[in-house]
Amino acid sequence: MIKTKDLRRGNWVTSGKGDFPMYVTAIFEGEVYLNFEGNEGDVWESKEEDLKPIPLTPEVLENIGFFVDNNKAHIVYNEFGNIYQLNRVGESFQSTYLATEIPYLHTLQNHYYFSTNTELTYKP
């Protein structure tokens, strides 16, 4: 379960109803609207208790543009060559900036945005 207060529009999650990646289009108290590429109908309504995080794996990191080696993941995030970096901690990753564990894609999306003022692009 993910609390709606921990989400931003554009975050990627899954819902117990579909269990495939969808992005948040609207956030309400205890409920979100979700959508996915190729959807030609209404948005998907999901209750907070049905939301599931997408685990942050090397494959997910590579999908959003990170270079991943054994213990680090990094991405150049602006035209000046500034690098945003994560360190592997067990099965998860940790930000080198705030020493914060980042186990899920939506957590990384939020942390990255607040650190760099840039959105991450994920394509499932």
Protein backbone atom coordinates (compact mmCIF):
# COMPACT_ATOMS: atom_id res chain seq x y z
CA MET A 1 0.00 0.00 0.00
CA ILE A 2 1.15 3.53 -0.80
CA LYS A 3 -0.24 6.58 0.99
CA THR A 4 -1.64 9.13 -1.45
CA LYS A 5 0.22 11.88 0.42
CA ASP A 6 3.49 10.24 -0.73
CA LEU A 7 2.60 10.57 -4.42
CA ARG A 8 2.91 13.28 -7.06
CA ARG A 9 1.23 13.48 -10.45
CA GLY A 10 3.32 11.47 -12.90
CA ASN A 11 4.51 8.89 -10.36
CA TRP A 12 4.44 5.29 -11.61
CA VAL A 13 2.74 2.61 -9.48
CA THR A 14 0.66 -0.53 -9.91
CA SER A 15 -2.82 -1.19 -8.63
CA GLY A 16 -4.16 -4.41 -7.18
CA LYS A 17 -6.82 -4.36 -9.89
CA GLY A 18 -4.43 -4.40 -12.84
CA ASP A 19 -0.94 -5.07 -11.49
CA PHE A 20 0.73 -3.36 -14.46
CA PRO A 21 2.54 0.01 -14.38
CA MET A 22 0.32 3.08 -14.53
CA TYR A 23 1.02 6.74 -13.84
CA VAL A 24 -0.82 9.01 -11.42
CA THR A 25 -2.98 11.66 -13.11
CA ALA A 26 -4.90 13.01 -10.10
CA ILE A 27 -4.61 12.65 -6.33
CA PHE A 28 -7.41 12.81 -3.78
CA GLU A 29 -7.64 11.88 -0.14
CA GLY A 30 -7.33 8.08 -0.10
CA GLU A 31 -7.75 7.67 -3.87
CA VAL A 32 -5.90 8.35 -7.13
CA TYR A 33 -6.67 8.32 -10.82
CA LEU A 34 -4.23 6.28 -12.89
CA ASN A 35 -3.61 6.06 -16.62
CA PHE A 36 -1.32 4.13 -18.96
CA GLU A 37 0.05 4.52 -22.47
CA GLY A 38 -2.42 3.41 -25.11
CA ASN A 39 -5.45 3.79 -22.85
CA GLU A 40 -8.36 5.05 -24.92
CA GLY A 41 -10.95 5.03 -22.15
CA ASP A 42 -11.50 6.53 -18.76
CA VAL A 43 -8.78 6.80 -16.15
CA TRP A 44 -8.39 3.98 -13.65
CA GLU A 45 -9.67 4.83 -10.14
CA SER A 46 -7.70 3.19 -7.36
CA LYS A 47 -8.03 3.29 -3.59
CA GLU A 48 -4.95 3.91 -1.47
CA GLU A 49 -4.99 0.37 -0.10
CA ASP A 50 -4.81 -1.08 -3.65
CA LEU A 51 -1.71 0.89 -4.70
CA LYS A 52 1.55 -1.03 -4.92
CA PRO A 53 5.03 0.40 -5.48
CA ILE A 54 7.28 -0.60 -8.36
CA PRO A 55 10.53 -1.94 -6.85
CA LEU A 56 13.66 -0.06 -7.86
CA THR A 57 15.79 -2.57 -9.74
CA PRO A 58 18.77 -2.11 -12.05
CA GLU A 59 16.42 -2.74 -15.00
CA VAL A 60 14.03 0.03 -13.89
CA LEU A 61 16.98 2.40 -13.34
CA GLU A 62 18.35 1.67 -16.82
CA ASN A 63 14.87 2.24 -18.28
CA ILE A 64 14.85 5.81 -16.91
CA GLY A 65 18.35 6.59 -18.14
CA PHE A 66 20.67 5.64 -15.28
CA PHE A 67 23.98 3.91 -15.87
CA VAL A 68 24.15 1.02 -13.40
CA ASP A 69 27.27 -0.85 -12.31
CA ASN A 70 27.69 -3.24 -9.36
CA ASN A 71 27.43 -0.71 -6.55
CA LYS A 72 26.33 2.58 -8.09
CA ALA A 73 23.71 4.08 -10.37
CA HIS A 74 24.13 7.53 -11.84
CA ILE A 75 22.64 9.84 -14.43
CA VAL A 76 23.71 13.18 -15.87
CA TYR A 77 20.77 15.46 -15.17
CA ASN A 78 21.56 18.76 -16.88
CA GLU A 79 23.57 20.41 -19.62
CA PHE A 80 26.37 21.25 -17.16
CA GLY A 81 27.17 17.58 -16.63
CA ASN A 82 25.89 17.43 -13.03
CA ILE A 83 25.47 13.85 -11.88
CA TYR A 84 22.76 12.43 -9.64
CA GLN A 85 24.05 9.26 -7.97
CA LEU A 86 22.67 6.33 -5.98
CA ASN A 87 24.63 3.73 -4.04
CA ARG A 88 23.46 0.13 -3.78
CA VAL A 89 22.53 -0.91 -0.25
CA GLY A 90 21.59 -4.60 -0.24
CA GLU A 91 18.65 -4.99 -2.63
CA SER A 92 17.84 -1.29 -2.56
CA PHE A 93 19.55 2.00 -3.38
CA GLN A 94 20.42 5.03 -1.30
CA SER A 95 20.79 8.64 -2.33
CA THR A 96 24.30 10.02 -1.93
CA TYR A 97 22.81 13.46 -1.25
CA LEU A 98 20.59 12.78 1.76
CA ALA A 99 21.57 9.22 2.73
CA THR A 100 17.93 8.28 2.16
CA GLU A 101 16.96 4.76 1.17
CA ILE A 102 15.07 4.67 -2.12
CA PRO A 103 13.45 1.26 -2.62
CA TYR A 104 10.70 2.21 -5.11
CA LEU A 105 10.32 4.03 -8.42
CA HIS A 106 7.84 6.64 -7.10
CA THR A 107 10.21 7.42 -4.21
CA LEU A 108 13.06 7.98 -6.66
CA GLN A 109 10.86 10.08 -8.94
CA ASN A 110 9.97 12.38 -6.02
CA HIS A 111 13.50 12.58 -4.59
CA TYR A 112 15.03 13.18 -8.01
CA TYR A 113 12.55 15.93 -8.83
CA PHE A 114 13.09 17.74 -5.53
CA SER A 115 16.88 17.40 -5.89
CA THR A 116 17.21 18.39 -9.56
CA ASN A 117 13.91 20.08 -10.51
CA THR A 118 13.75 17.61 -13.42
CA GLU A 119 11.25 14.81 -14.08
CA LEU A 120 12.34 11.24 -14.79
CA THR A 121 10.84 9.55 -17.85
CA TYR A 122 9.76 5.92 -17.40
CA LYS A 123 8.38 3.77 -20.21
CA PRO A 124 7.20 0.31 -19.04
